[in-house]
Every structure is written in C-alpha cells, then in structure tokens.
Amino acid sequence: SDMKIESVDDAKEAAYKIGEYCNVMITGGHLNGTNIIYNKEKDELSTLHQDLIKTDNLHGTGCSLSAAICANLVLLNEKNENSLDEDNLKIAIEKSTKFIFEAVKNGRYGTLNPNFNSKVL
C-alpha cells in the first residue's frame, strides 16, 4: 500500500488498496488487537478484535498464522463443498487467530508453541 499504518483507519485504507489484487488481513498487534480483513470476492471489509498478550513469545506468529489460515480454508472448503453461502475466509481467520492466541499463551523461550494441544500417542 506504500503507506504508514498508525491507526485502524489507516489499516482499513491500506486493506482497500492492497485488496485490489487479493484478500487482505492486516494484523493488529500495533492497533490494540484490531485485525482488519478485506474479502475481495465480496468487496467486504470487517474487523476482528483479538486480546493482546504481553509476552516475548511472538517469534513465528506470522508464518504460523498464515499456515493456519490456509489449513482452515482447505478444511472449510472440503466440509462445505465450496459453498458460496459460507464466509470461509472469515471463519478460517477467526479459527486461526484463536489457535495462534493459545499458541502464544503457551509459548516459551521467545517463540509460540503450536503444539500446545498435542496429545502423546
């Protein structure tokens, strides 16, 4: 977007600019937990608030979040058989941000713990 994001309004404007090309999620760690989501197919802008955790266990959150969103999109599309009635993008993002929140909460040594819910076989 070639712009500095200092407020939720700035993030929304950037999402619209980037959204000319693709779906967009601007994470809101610097915006008091307000994530901005732009769905290009629906031309829809929404916000998703996420509580913030004061921690240093943040290494890996960006790539883990994007991987979780991709995985959830695949699962939702298979489950809903590509139903256009479902807002799979928003649902995938909501599930993924909850997962990352818990992974950060359970992190140690400067990184999140994506295996926080694993079971020993």
PDB file of N, CA and C in Angstrom:
ATOM      1  N   SER A   1       0.826  -1.200   0.000  1.00  0.00           N
ATOM      2  CA  SER A   1       0.000   0.000   0.000  1.00  0.00           C
ATOM      3  C   SER A   1       0.862   1.252   0.000  1.00  0.00           C
ATOM      4  N   ASP A   2       2.138   1.101   0.321  1.00  0.00           N
ATOM      5  CA  ASP A   2       3.074   2.222   0.356  1.00  0.00           C
ATOM      6  C   ASP A   2       2.600   3.310   1.316  1.00  0.00           C
ATOM      7  N   MET A   3       2.041   2.897   2.444  1.00  0.00           N
ATOM      8  CA  MET A   3       1.600   3.880   3.431  1.00  0.00           C
ATOM      9  C   MET A   3       1.943   3.397   4.833  1.00  0.00           C
ATOM     10  N   LYS A   4       2.132   4.346   5.723  1.00  0.00           N
ATOM     11  CA  LYS A   4       2.411   4.047   7.120  1.00  0.00           C
ATOM     12  C   LYS A   4       1.085   3.814   7.833  1.00  0.00           C
ATOM     13  N   ILE A   5       1.008   2.728   8.579  1.00  0.00           N
ATOM     14  CA  ILE A   5      -0.230   2.393   9.281  1.00  0.00           C
ATOM     15  C   ILE A   5      -0.063   2.732  10.756  1.00  0.00           C
ATOM     16  N   GLU A   6      -0.798   3.757  11.182  1.00  0.00           N
ATOM     17  CA  GLU A   6      -0.719   4.207  12.570  1.00  0.00           C
ATOM     18  C   GLU A   6      -2.064   4.156  13.278  1.00  0.00           C
ATOM     19  N   SER A   7      -3.121   3.801  12.551  1.00  0.00           N
ATOM     20  CA  SER A   7      -4.457   3.770  13.147  1.00  0.00           C
ATOM     21  C   SER A   7      -5.301   2.715  12.431  1.00  0.00           C
ATOM     22  N   VAL A   8      -6.445   2.414  13.016  1.00  0.00           N
ATOM     23  CA  VAL A   8      -7.371   1.469  12.385  1.00  0.00           C
ATOM     24  C   VAL A   8      -7.833   2.014  11.039  1.00  0.00           C
ATOM     25  N   ASP A   9      -8.078   3.315  10.952  1.00  0.00           N
ATOM     26  CA  ASP A   9      -8.495   3.909   9.673  1.00  0.00           C
ATOM     27  C   ASP A   9      -7.409   3.760   8.613  1.00  0.00           C
ATOM     28  N   ASP A  10      -6.133   3.941   9.013  1.00  0.00           N
ATOM     29  CA  ASP A  10      -5.027   3.727   8.074  1.00  0.00           C
ATOM     30  C   ASP A  10      -5.010   2.280   7.592  1.00  0.00           C
ATOM     31  N   ALA A  11      -5.230   1.347   8.516  1.00  0.00           N
ATOM     32  CA  ALA A  11      -5.223  -0.077   8.160  1.00  0.00           C
ATOM     33  C   ALA A  11      -6.353  -0.398   7.188  1.00  0.00           C
ATOM     34  N   LYS A  12      -7.515   0.196   7.412  1.00  0.00           N
ATOM     35  CA  LYS A  12      -8.644  -0.028   6.503  1.00  0.00           C
ATOM     36  C   LYS A  12      -8.327   0.508   5.110  1.00  0.00           C
ATOM     37  N   GLU A  13      -7.747   1.694   5.047  1.00  0.00           N
ATOM     38  CA  GLU A  13      -7.388   2.279   3.752  1.00  0.00           C
ATOM     39  C   GLU A  13      -6.359   1.405   3.034  1.00  0.00           C
ATOM     40  N   ALA A  14      -5.366   0.922   3.775  1.00  0.00           N
ATOM     41  CA  ALA A  14      -4.348   0.047   3.186  1.00  0.00           C
ATOM     42  C   ALA A  14      -4.973  -1.258   2.697  1.00  0.00           C
ATOM     43  N   ALA A  15      -5.915  -1.792   3.468  1.00  0.00           N
ATOM     44  CA  ALA A  15      -6.580  -3.043   3.070  1.00  0.00           C
ATOM     45  C   ALA A  15      -7.323  -2.864   1.750  1.00  0.00           C
ATOM     46  N   TYR A  16      -7.995  -1.738   1.588  1.00  0.00           N
ATOM     47  CA  TYR A  16      -8.689  -1.477   0.318  1.00  0.00           C
ATOM     48  C   TYR A  16      -7.698  -1.376  -0.838  1.00  0.00           C
ATOM     49  N   LYS A  17      -6.561  -0.696  -0.607  1.00  0.00           N
ATOM     50  CA  LYS A  17      -5.566  -0.551  -1.678  1.00  0.00           C
ATOM     51  C   LYS A  17      -4.989  -1.906  -2.077  1.00  0.00           C
ATOM     52  N   ILE A  18      -4.549  -2.673  -1.089  1.00  0.00           N
ATOM     53  CA  ILE A  18      -3.980  -3.989  -1.372  1.00  0.00           C
ATOM     54  C   ILE A  18      -5.067  -4.912  -1.917  1.00  0.00           C
ATOM     55  N   GLY A  19      -6.292  -4.735  -1.443  1.00  0.00           N
ATOM     56  CA  GLY A  19      -7.420  -5.569  -1.823  1.00  0.00           C
ATOM     57  C   GLY A  19      -7.815  -5.481  -3.284  1.00  0.00           C
ATOM     58  N   GLU A  20      -7.238  -4.552  -4.018  1.00  0.00           N
ATOM     59  CA  GLU A  20      -7.472  -4.525  -5.462  1.00  0.00           C
ATOM     60  C   GLU A  20      -6.934  -5.797  -6.105  1.00  0.00           C
ATOM     61  N   TYR A  21      -5.980  -6.453  -5.437  1.00  0.00           N
ATOM     62  CA  TYR A  21      -5.282  -7.595  -6.009  1.00  0.00           C
ATOM     63  C   TYR A  21      -5.613  -8.930  -5.340  1.00  0.00           C
ATOM     64  N   CYS A  22      -6.011  -8.893  -4.068  1.00  0.00           N
ATOM     65  CA  CYS A  22      -6.189 -10.144  -3.330  1.00  0.00           C
ATOM     66  C   CYS A  22      -6.938  -9.892  -2.020  1.00  0.00           C
ATOM     67  N   ASN A  23      -7.286 -10.974  -1.322  1.00  0.00           N
ATOM     68  CA  ASN A  23      -7.832 -10.850   0.026  1.00  0.00           C
ATOM     69  C   ASN A  23      -6.727 -10.340   0.947  1.00  0.00           C
ATOM     70  N   VAL A  24      -7.113  -9.637   2.006  1.00  0.00           N
ATOM     71  CA  VAL A  24      -6.126  -8.987   2.870  1.00  0.00           C
ATOM     72  C   VAL A  24      -6.484  -9.194   4.333  1.00  0.00           C
ATOM     73  N   MET A  25      -5.455  -9.426   5.141  1.00  0.00           N
ATOM     74  CA  MET A  25      -5.605  -9.364   6.593  1.00  0.00           C
ATOM     75  C   MET A  25      -4.454  -8.531   7.125  1.00  0.00           C
ATOM     76  N   ILE A  26      -4.792  -7.455   7.814  1.00  0.00           N
ATOM     77  CA  ILE A  26      -3.781  -6.637   8.476  1.00  0.00           C
ATOM     78  C   ILE A  26      -3.927  -6.914   9.963  1.00  0.00           C
ATOM     79  N   THR A  27      -2.895  -7.538  10.528  1.00  0.00           N
ATOM     80  CA  THR A  27      -2.970  -7.913  11.939  1.00  0.00           C
ATOM     81  C   THR A  27      -2.769  -6.692  12.816  1.00  0.00           C
ATOM     82  N   GLY A  28      -3.406  -6.723  13.974  1.00  0.00           N
ATOM     83  CA  GLY A  28      -3.499  -5.519  14.785  1.00  0.00           C
ATOM     84  C   GLY A  28      -2.736  -5.492  16.079  1.00  0.00           C
ATOM     85  N   GLY A  29      -1.596  -6.152  16.159  1.00  0.00           N
ATOM     86  CA  GLY A  29      -0.811  -6.065  17.378  1.00  0.00           C
ATOM     87  C   GLY A  29      -0.453  -4.635  17.724  1.00  0.00           C
ATOM     88  N   HIS A  30      -0.218  -3.835  16.715  1.00  0.00           N
ATOM     89  CA  HIS A  30       0.106  -2.419  16.916  1.00  0.00           C
ATOM     90  C   HIS A  30      -1.154  -1.549  16.924  1.00  0.00           C
ATOM     91  N   LEU A  31      -2.310  -2.162  16.750  1.00  0.00           N
ATOM     92  CA  LEU A  31      -3.585  -1.432  16.739  1.00  0.00           C
ATOM     93  C   LEU A  31      -4.493  -1.925  17.864  1.00  0.00           C
ATOM     94  N   ASN A  32      -3.903  -2.229  19.003  1.00  0.00           N
ATOM     95  CA  ASN A  32      -4.646  -2.706  20.176  1.00  0.00           C
ATOM     96  C   ASN A  32      -5.494  -3.940  19.891  1.00  0.00           C
ATOM     97  N   GLY A  33      -5.002  -4.798  19.016  1.00  0.00           N
ATOM     98  CA  GLY A  33      -5.677  -6.065  18.764  1.00  0.00           C
ATOM     99  C   GLY A  33      -6.767  -6.032  17.715  1.00  0.00           C
ATOM    100  N   THR A  34      -6.897  -4.945  16.976  1.00  0.00           N
ATOM    101  CA  THR A  34      -7.918  -4.869  15.930  1.00  0.00           C
ATOM    102  C   THR A  34      -7.326  -5.348  14.606  1.00  0.00           C
ATOM    103  N   ASN A  35      -7.787  -6.495  14.134  1.00  0.00           N
ATOM    104  CA  ASN A  35      -7.370  -7.035  12.843  1.00  0.00           C
ATOM    105  C   ASN A  35      -8.347  -6.564  11.775  1.00  0.00           C
ATOM    106  N   ILE A  36      -7.826  -6.195  10.628  1.00  0.00           N
ATOM    107  CA  ILE A  36      -8.636  -5.728   9.508  1.00  0.00           C
ATOM    108  C   ILE A  36      -8.633  -6.817   8.438  1.00  0.00           C
ATOM    109  N   ILE A  37      -9.814  -7.200   7.986  1.00  0.00           N
ATOM    110  CA  ILE A  37      -9.950  -8.252   6.978  1.00  0.00           C
ATOM    111  C   ILE A  37     -10.714  -7.684   5.785  1.00  0.00           C
ATOM    112  N   TYR A  38     -10.123  -7.830   4.588  1.00  0.00           N
ATOM    113  CA  TYR A  38     -10.818  -7.418   3.369  1.00  0.00           C
ATOM    114  C   TYR A  38     -11.010  -8.643   2.489  1.00  0.00           C
ATOM    115  N   ASN A  39     -12.263  -8.966   2.188  1.00  0.00           N
ATOM    116  CA  ASN A  39     -12.618 -10.080   1.320  1.00  0.00           C
ATOM    117  C   ASN A  39     -12.882  -9.512  -0.071  1.00  0.00           C
ATOM    118  N   LYS A  40     -11.936  -9.743  -0.975  1.00  0.00           N
ATOM    119  CA  LYS A  40     -12.028  -9.182  -2.329  1.00  0.00           C
ATOM    120  C   LYS A  40     -13.260  -9.682  -3.077  1.00  0.00           C
ATOM    121  N   GLU A  41     -13.563 -10.972  -2.975  1.00  0.00           N
ATOM    122  CA  GLU A  41     -14.686 -11.546  -3.711  1.00  0.00           C
ATOM    123  C   GLU A  41     -16.012 -10.914  -3.306  1.00  0.00           C
ATOM    124  N   LYS A  42     -16.144 -10.588  -2.018  1.00  0.00           N
ATOM    125  CA  LYS A  42     -17.388 -10.000  -1.518  1.00  0.00           C
ATOM    126  C   LYS A  42     -17.316  -8.478  -1.418  1.00  0.00           C
ATOM    127  N   ASP A  43     -16.140  -7.907  -1.717  1.00  0.00           N
ATOM    128  CA  ASP A  43     -15.898  -6.474  -1.537  1.00  0.00           C
ATOM    129  C   ASP A  43     -16.383  -6.047  -0.146  1.00  0.00           C
ATOM    130  N   GLU A  44     -15.884  -6.784   0.860  1.00  0.00           N
ATOM    131  CA  GLU A  44     -16.364  -6.601   2.229  1.00  0.00           C
ATOM    132  C   GLU A  44     -15.185  -6.386   3.178  1.00  0.00           C
ATOM    133  N   LEU A  45     -15.281  -5.351   3.976  1.00  0.00           N
ATOM    134  CA  LEU A  45     -14.272  -5.045   4.985  1.00  0.00           C
ATOM    135  C   LEU A  45     -14.865  -5.338   6.355  1.00  0.00           C
ATOM    136  N   SER A  46     -14.118  -6.057   7.187  1.00  0.00           N
ATOM    137  CA  SER A  46     -14.596  -6.342   8.543  1.00  0.00           C
ATOM    138  C   SER A  46     -13.434  -6.241   9.519  1.00  0.00           C
ATOM    139  N   THR A  47     -13.772  -6.156  10.789  1.00  0.00           N
ATOM    140  CA  THR A  47     -12.751  -6.120  11.828  1.00  0.00           C
ATOM    141  C   THR A  47     -12.947  -7.317  12.746  1.00  0.00           C
ATOM    142  N   LEU A  48     -11.867  -7.766  13.307  1.00  0.00           N
ATOM    143  CA  LEU A  48     -11.878  -8.874  14.250  1.00  0.00           C
ATOM    144  C   LEU A  48     -10.959  -8.484  15.392  1.00  0.00           C
ATOM    145  N   HIS A  49     -11.523  -8.351  16.587  1.00  0.00           N
ATOM    146  CA  HIS A  49     -10.703  -7.957  17.730  1.00  0.00           C
ATOM    147  C   HIS A  49     -10.113  -9.191  18.395  1.00  0.00           C
ATOM    148  N   GLN A  50      -8.857  -9.089  18.749  1.00  0.00           N
ATOM    149  CA  GLN A  50      -8.151 -10.165  19.443  1.00  0.00           C
ATOM    150  C   GLN A  50      -7.482  -9.570  20.670  1.00  0.00           C
ATOM    151  N   ASP A  51      -7.699 -10.180  21.831  1.00  0.00           N
ATOM    152  CA  ASP A  51      -6.999  -9.722  23.026  1.00  0.00           C
ATOM    153  C   ASP A  51      -5.501  -9.859  22.808  1.00  0.00           C
ATOM    154  N   LEU A  52      -4.752  -8.945  23.411  1.00  0.00           N
ATOM    155  CA  LEU A  52      -3.299  -8.987  23.301  1.00  0.00           C
ATOM    156  C   LEU A  52      -2.711  -9.634  24.542  1.00  0.00           C
ATOM    157  N   ILE A  53      -1.609 -10.331  24.360  1.00  0.00           N
ATOM    158  CA  ILE A  53      -0.887 -10.961  25.459  1.00  0.00           C
ATOM    159  C   ILE A  53       0.458 -10.257  25.575  1.00  0.00           C
ATOM    160  N   LYS A  54       0.783  -9.776  26.762  1.00  0.00           N
ATOM    161  CA  LYS A  54       2.101  -9.167  26.968  1.00  0.00           C
ATOM    162  C   LYS A  54       3.106 -10.296  27.169  1.00  0.00           C
ATOM    163  N   THR A  55       3.910 -10.546  26.139  1.00  0.00           N
ATOM    164  CA  THR A  55       4.866 -11.649  26.165  1.00  0.00           C
ATOM    165  C   THR A  55       5.952 -11.410  25.127  1.00  0.00           C
ATOM    166  N   ASP A  56       7.049 -12.114  25.301  1.00  0.00           N
ATOM    167  CA  ASP A  56       8.109 -12.113  24.292  1.00  0.00           C
ATOM    168  C   ASP A  56       8.014 -13.345  23.393  1.00  0.00           C
ATOM    169  N   ASN A  57       7.019 -14.189  23.615  1.00  0.00           N
ATOM    170  CA  ASN A  57       6.879 -15.440  22.864  1.00  0.00           C
ATOM    171  C   ASN A  57       6.145 -15.218  21.542  1.00  0.00           C
ATOM    172  N   LEU A  58       6.683 -14.337  20.717  1.00  0.00           N
ATOM    173  CA  LEU A  58       5.991 -13.958  19.484  1.00  0.00           C
ATOM    174  C   LEU A  58       6.678 -14.447  18.216  1.00  0.00           C
ATOM    175  N   HIS A  59       7.875 -14.990  18.345  1.00  0.00           N
ATOM    176  CA  HIS A  59       8.591 -15.437  17.152  1.00  0.00           C
ATOM    177  C   HIS A  59       7.818 -16.567  16.476  1.00  0.00           C
ATOM    178  N   GLY A  60       7.555 -16.413  15.193  1.00  0.00           N
ATOM    179  CA  GLY A  60       6.855 -17.438  14.424  1.00  0.00           C
ATOM    180  C   GLY A  60       5.364 -17.217  14.282  1.00  0.00           C
ATOM    181  N   THR A  61       4.847 -16.131  14.858  1.00  0.00           N
ATOM    182  CA  THR A  61       3.394 -15.935  14.810  1.00  0.00           C
ATOM    183  C   THR A  61       2.883 -15.643  13.409  1.00  0.00           C
ATOM    184  N   GLY A  62       3.604 -14.870  12.632  1.00  0.00           N
ATOM    185  CA  GLY A  62       3.134 -14.501  11.294  1.00  0.00           C
ATOM    186  C   GLY A  62       3.020 -15.683  10.356  1.00  0.00           C
ATOM    187  N   CYS A  63       4.095 -16.471  10.272  1.00  0.00           N
ATOM    188  CA  CYS A  63       4.048 -17.616   9.356  1.00  0.00           C
ATOM    189  C   CYS A  63       3.121 -18.704   9.886  1.00  0.00           C
ATOM    190  N   SER A  64       3.039 -18.851  11.207  1.00  0.00           N
ATOM    191  CA  SER A  64       2.101 -19.838  11.765  1.00  0.00           C
ATOM    192  C   SER A  64       0.657 -19.426  11.512  1.00  0.00           C
ATOM    193  N   LEU A  65       0.380 -18.129  11.608  1.00  0.00           N
ATOM    194  CA  LEU A  65      -0.973 -17.640  11.335  1.00  0.00           C
ATOM    195  C   LEU A  65      -1.348 -17.883   9.878  1.00  0.00           C
ATOM    196  N   SER A  66      -0.458 -17.560   8.961  1.00  0.00           N
ATOM    197  CA  SER A  66      -0.788 -17.756   7.540  1.00  0.00           C
ATOM    198  C   SER A  66      -0.965 -19.237   7.217  1.00  0.00           C
ATOM    199  N   ALA A  67      -0.147 -20.108   7.815  1.00  0.00           N
ATOM    200  CA  ALA A  67      -0.302 -21.548   7.593  1.00  0.00           C
ATOM    201  C   ALA A  67      -1.626 -22.050   8.168  1.00  0.00           C
ATOM    202  N   ALA A  68      -2.000 -21.546   9.343  1.00  0.00           N
ATOM    203  CA  ALA A  68      -3.267 -21.955   9.964  1.00  0.00           C
ATOM    204  C   ALA A  68      -4.458 -21.503   9.124  1.00  0.00           C
ATOM    205  N   ILE A  69      -4.387 -20.293   8.580  1.00  0.00           N
ATOM    206  CA  ILE A  69      -5.477 -19.797   7.724  1.00  0.00           C
ATOM    207  C   ILE A  69      -5.615 -20.689   6.488  1.00  0.00           C
ATOM    208  N   CYS A  70      -4.495 -21.010   5.848  1.00  0.00           N
ATOM    209  CA  CYS A  70      -4.538 -21.887   4.662  1.00  0.00           C
ATOM    210  C   CYS A  70      -5.132 -23.246   5.009  1.00  0.00           C
ATOM    211  N   ALA A  71      -4.680 -23.834   6.117  1.00  0.00           N
ATOM    212  CA  ALA A  71      -5.190 -25.151   6.516  1.00  0.00           C
ATOM    213  C   ALA A  71      -6.686 -25.093   6.813  1.00  0.00           C
ATOM    214  N   ASN A  72      -7.115 -24.062   7.520  1.00  0.00           N
ATOM    215  CA  ASN A  72      -8.542 -23.937   7.834  1.00  0.00           C
ATOM    216  C   ASN A  72      -9.382 -23.684   6.589  1.00  0.00           C
ATOM    217  N   LEU A  73      -8.856 -22.939   5.626  1.00  0.00           N
ATOM    218  CA  LEU A  73      -9.591 -22.733   4.370  1.00  0.00           C
ATOM    219  C   LEU A  73      -9.804 -24.053   3.640  1.00  0.00           C
ATOM    220  N   VAL A  74      -8.769 -24.881   3.593  1.00  0.00           N
ATOM    221  CA  VAL A  74      -8.894 -26.188   2.940  1.00  0.00           C
ATOM    222  C   VAL A  74      -9.948 -27.027   3.652  1.00  0.00           C
ATOM    223  N   LEU A  75      -9.862 -27.101   4.980  1.00  0.00           N
ATOM    224  CA  LEU A  75     -10.829 -27.898   5.743  1.00  0.00           C
ATOM    225  C   LEU A  75     -12.252 -27.383   5.558  1.00  0.00           C
ATOM    226  N   LEU A  76     -12.432 -26.076   5.606  1.00  0.00           N
ATOM    227  CA  LEU A  76     -13.774 -25.498   5.448  1.00  0.00           C
ATOM    228  C   LEU A  76     -14.319 -25.705   4.043  1.00  0.00           C
ATOM    229  N   ASN A  77     -13.471 -25.542   3.035  1.00  0.00           N
ATOM    230  CA  ASN A  77     -13.927 -25.734   1.658  1.00  0.00           C
ATOM    231  C   ASN A  77     -14.311 -27.184   1.404  1.00  0.00           C
ATOM    232  N   GLU A  78     -13.560 -28.120   1.984  1.00  0.00           N
ATOM    233  CA  GLU A  78     -13.925 -29.533   1.837  1.00  0.00           C
ATOM    234  C   GLU A  78     -15.231 -29.822   2.563  1.00  0.00           C
ATOM    235  N   LYS A  79     -15.366 -29.293   3.767  1.00  0.00           N
ATOM    236  CA  LYS A  79     -16.567 -29.535   4.576  1.00  0.00           C
ATOM    237  C   LYS A  79     -17.807 -28.929   3.920  1.00  0.00           C
ATOM    238  N   ASN A  80     -17.671 -27.724   3.406  1.00  0.00           N
ATOM    239  CA  ASN A  80     -18.814 -27.007   2.831  1.00  0.00           C
ATOM    240  C   ASN A  80     -18.935 -27.213   1.332  1.00  0.00           C
ATOM    241  N   GLU A  81     -18.090 -28.056   0.775  1.00  0.00           N
ATOM    242  CA  GLU A  81     -18.098 -28.325  -0.661  1.00  0.00           C
ATOM    243  C   GLU A  81     -18.126 -27.028  -1.463  1.00  0.00           C
ATOM    244  N   ASN A  82     -17.224 -26.119  -1.075  1.00  0.00           N
ATOM    245  CA  ASN A  82     -17.080 -24.824  -1.752  1.00  0.00           C
ATOM    246  C   ASN A  82     -18.365 -24.010  -1.760  1.00  0.00           C
ATOM    247  N   SER A  83     -19.170 -24.157  -0.741  1.00  0.00           N
ATOM    248  CA  SER A  83     -20.432 -23.424  -0.640  1.00  0.00           C
ATOM    249  C   SER A  83     -20.184 -21.920  -0.634  1.00  0.00           C
ATOM    250  N   LEU A  84     -20.889 -21.213  -1.483  1.00  0.00           N
ATOM    251  CA  LEU A  84     -20.771 -19.759  -1.515  1.00  0.00           C
ATOM    252  C   LEU A  84     -21.569 -19.105  -0.396  1.00  0.00           C
ATOM    253  N   ASP A  85     -22.389 -19.884   0.307  1.00  0.00           N
ATOM    254  CA  ASP A  85     -23.183 -19.344   1.404  1.00  0.00           C
ATOM    255  C   ASP A  85     -22.343 -19.110   2.651  1.00  0.00           C
ATOM    256  N   GLU A  86     -21.248 -19.815   2.776  1.00  0.00           N
ATOM    257  CA  GLU A  86     -20.390 -19.700   3.947  1.00  0.00           C
ATOM    258  C   GLU A  86     -19.302 -18.663   3.691  1.00  0.00           C
ATOM    259  N   ASP A  87     -18.982 -17.896   4.706  1.00  0.00           N
ATOM    260  CA  ASP A  87     -17.865 -16.965   4.606  1.00  0.00           C
ATOM    261  C   ASP A  87     -16.628 -17.678   5.132  1.00  0.00           C
ATOM    262  N   ASN A  88     -16.112 -18.589   4.314  1.00  0.00           N
ATOM    263  CA  ASN A  88     -14.999 -19.425   4.742  1.00  0.00           C
ATOM    264  C   ASN A  88     -13.762 -18.627   5.112  1.00  0.00           C
ATOM    265  N   LEU A  89     -13.491 -17.531   4.420  1.00  0.00           N
ATOM    266  CA  LEU A  89     -12.307 -16.737   4.732  1.00  0.00           C
ATOM    267  C   LEU A  89     -12.387 -16.191   6.154  1.00  0.00           C
ATOM    268  N   LYS A  90     -13.504 -15.585   6.494  1.00  0.00           N
ATOM    269  CA  LYS A  90     -13.647 -15.004   7.835  1.00  0.00           C
ATOM    270  C   LYS A  90     -13.622 -16.089   8.913  1.00  0.00           C
ATOM    271  N   ILE A  91     -14.287 -17.203   8.661  1.00  0.00           N
ATOM    272  CA  ILE A  91     -14.300 -18.303   9.629  1.00  0.00           C
ATOM    273  C   ILE A  91     -12.887 -18.857   9.815  1.00  0.00           C
ATOM    274  N   ALA A  92     -12.159 -19.034   8.717  1.00  0.00           N
ATOM    275  CA  ALA A  92     -10.787 -19.548   8.796  1.00  0.00           C
ATOM    276  C   ALA A  92      -9.902 -18.601   9.594  1.00  0.00           C
ATOM    277  N   ILE A  93     -10.062 -17.312   9.382  1.00  0.00           N
ATOM    278  CA  ILE A  93      -9.265 -16.330  10.117  1.00  0.00           C
ATOM    279  C   ILE A  93      -9.631 -16.345  11.598  1.00  0.00           C
ATOM    280  N   GLU A  94     -10.913 -16.424  11.913  1.00  0.00           N
ATOM    281  CA  GLU A  94     -11.332 -16.470  13.323  1.00  0.00           C
ATOM    282  C   GLU A  94     -10.762 -17.698  14.026  1.00  0.00           C
ATOM    283  N   LYS A  95     -10.857 -18.866  13.401  1.00  0.00           N
ATOM    284  CA  LYS A  95     -10.319 -20.090  14.000  1.00  0.00           C
ATOM    285  C   LYS A  95      -8.802 -19.988  14.156  1.00  0.00           C
ATOM    286  N   SER A  96      -8.149 -19.438  13.158  1.00  0.00           N
ATOM    287  CA  SER A  96      -6.692 -19.361  13.161  1.00  0.00           C
ATOM    288  C   SER A  96      -6.169 -18.375  14.197  1.00  0.00           C
ATOM    289  N   THR A  97      -6.831 -17.234  14.345  1.00  0.00           N
ATOM    290  CA  THR A  97      -6.369 -16.272  15.353  1.00  0.00           C
ATOM    291  C   THR A  97      -6.566 -16.827  16.759  1.00  0.00           C
ATOM    292  N   LYS A  98      -7.620 -17.594  16.983  1.00  0.00           N
ATOM    293  CA  LYS A  98      -7.811 -18.244  18.293  1.00  0.00           C
ATOM    294  C   LYS A  98      -6.699 -19.259  18.549  1.00  0.00           C
ATOM    295  N   PHE A  99      -6.345 -20.023  17.520  1.00  0.00           N
ATOM    296  CA  PHE A  99      -5.267 -21.003  17.638  1.00  0.00           C
ATOM    297  C   PHE A  99      -3.942 -20.314  17.975  1.00  0.00           C
ATOM    298  N   ILE A 100      -3.618 -19.250  17.259  1.00  0.00           N
ATOM    299  CA  ILE A 100      -2.361 -18.539  17.494  1.00  0.00           C
ATOM    300  C   ILE A 100      -2.355 -17.901  18.874  1.00  0.00           C
ATOM    301  N   PHE A 101      -3.482 -17.365  19.312  1.00  0.00           N
ATOM    302  CA  PHE A 101      -3.586 -16.783  20.651  1.00  0.00           C
ATOM    303  C   PHE A 101      -3.192 -17.824  21.705  1.00  0.00           C
ATOM    304  N   GLU A 102      -3.735 -19.025  21.592  1.00  0.00           N
ATOM    305  CA  GLU A 102      -3.416 -20.091  22.552  1.00  0.00           C
ATOM    306  C   GLU A 102      -1.962 -20.541  22.417  1.00  0.00           C
ATOM    307  N   ALA A 103      -1.456 -20.586  21.194  1.00  0.00           N
ATOM    308  CA  ALA A 103      -0.060 -20.978  20.977  1.00  0.00           C
ATOM    309  C   ALA A 103       0.893 -19.958  21.596  1.00  0.00           C
ATOM    310  N   VAL A 104       0.556 -18.677  21.519  1.00  0.00           N
ATOM    311  CA  VAL A 104       1.371 -17.634  22.148  1.00  0.00           C
ATOM    312  C   VAL A 104       1.274 -17.755  23.666  1.00  0.00           C
ATOM    313  N   LYS A 105       0.058 -17.948  24.169  1.00  0.00           N
ATOM    314  CA  LYS A 105      -0.150 -18.094  25.616  1.00  0.00           C
ATOM    315  C   LYS A 105       0.672 -19.250  26.185  1.00  0.00           C
ATOM    316  N   ASN A 106       0.830 -20.295  25.409  1.00  0.00           N
ATOM    317  CA  ASN A 106       1.546 -21.482  25.857  1.00  0.00           C
ATOM    318  C   ASN A 106       2.988 -21.536  25.365  1.00  0.00           C
ATOM    319  N   GLY A 107       3.477 -20.430  24.817  1.00  0.00           N
ATOM    320  CA  GLY A 107       4.829 -20.388  24.286  1.00  0.00           C
ATOM    321  C   GLY A 107       5.887 -20.266  25.366  1.00  0.00           C
ATOM    322  N   ARG A 108       7.118 -20.556  24.955  1.00  0.00           N
ATOM    323  CA  ARG A 108       8.274 -20.413  25.842  1.00  0.00           C
ATOM    324  C   ARG A 108       9.487 -20.042  25.007  1.00  0.00           C
ATOM    325  N   TYR A 109      10.482 -19.500  25.673  1.00  0.00           N
ATOM    326  CA  TYR A 109      11.783 -19.230  25.069  1.00  0.00           C
ATOM    327  C   TYR A 109      11.700 -18.312  23.851  1.00  0.00           C
ATOM    328  N   GLY A 110      10.754 -17.376  23.852  1.00  0.00           N
ATOM    329  CA  GLY A 110      10.672 -16.392  22.783  1.00  0.00           C
ATOM    330  C   GLY A 110       9.842 -16.797  21.579  1.00  0.00           C
ATOM    331  N   THR A 111       9.305 -17.989  21.585  1.00  0.00           N
ATOM    332  CA  THR A 111       8.526 -18.439  20.435  1.00  0.00           C
ATOM    333  C   THR A 111       7.178 -19.002  20.886  1.00  0.00           C
ATOM    334  N   LEU A 112       6.230 -19.008  19.983  1.00  0.00           N
ATOM    335  CA  LEU A 112       4.936 -19.596  20.298  1.00  0.00           C
ATOM    336  C   LEU A 112       5.051 -21.119  20.336  1.00  0.00           C
ATOM    337  N   ASN A 113       4.042 -21.781  20.866  1.00  0.00           N
ATOM    338  CA  ASN A 113       4.033 -23.241  20.938  1.00  0.00           C
ATOM    339  C   ASN A 113       2.816 -23.768  20.180  1.00  0.00           C
ATOM    340  N   PRO A 114       2.967 -24.059  18.876  1.00  0.00           N
ATOM    341  CA  PRO A 114       1.822 -24.539  18.102  1.00  0.00           C
ATOM    342  C   PRO A 114       1.397 -25.956  18.479  1.00  0.00           C
ATOM    343  N   ASN A 115       2.182 -26.614  19.315  1.00  0.00           N
ATOM    344  CA  ASN A 115       1.861 -27.981  19.744  1.00  0.00           C
ATOM    345  C   ASN A 115       1.211 -28.009  21.121  1.00  0.00           C
ATOM    346  N   PHE A 116       0.691 -26.862  21.573  1.00  0.00           N
ATOM    347  CA  PHE A 116       0.142 -26.761  22.923  1.00  0.00           C
ATOM    348  C   PHE A 116      -0.991 -27.751  23.176  1.00  0.00           C
ATOM    349  N   ASN A 117      -1.673 -28.176  22.144  1.00  0.00           N
ATOM    350  CA  ASN A 117      -2.839 -29.044  22.309  1.00  0.00           C
ATOM    351  C   ASN A 117      -2.560 -30.479  21.853  1.00  0.00           C
ATOM    352  N   SER A 118      -1.283 -30.804  21.639  1.00  0.00           N
ATOM    353  CA  SER A 118      -0.924 -32.145  21.159  1.00  0.00           C
ATOM    354  C   SER A 118      -1.109 -33.177  22.259  1.00  0.00           C
ATOM    355  N   LYS A 119      -1.374 -34.382  21.839  1.00  0.00           N
ATOM    356  CA  LYS A 119      -1.533 -35.491  22.774  1.00  0.00           C
ATOM    357  C   LYS A 119      -0.437 -36.511  22.524  1.00  0.00           C
ATOM    358  N   VAL A 120       0.032 -37.110  23.589  1.00  0.00           N
ATOM    359  CA  VAL A 120       1.030 -38.164  23.465  1.00  0.00           C
ATOM    360  C   VAL A 120       0.323 -39.426  23.000  1.00  0.00           C
ATOM    361  N   LEU A 121       0.865 -40.058  21.978  1.00  0.00           N
ATOM    362  CA  LEU A 121       0.252 -41.290  21.452  1.00  0.00           C
ATOM    363  C   LEU A 121       0.767 -42.503  22.181  1.00  0.00           C
TER     364      LEU A 121
END
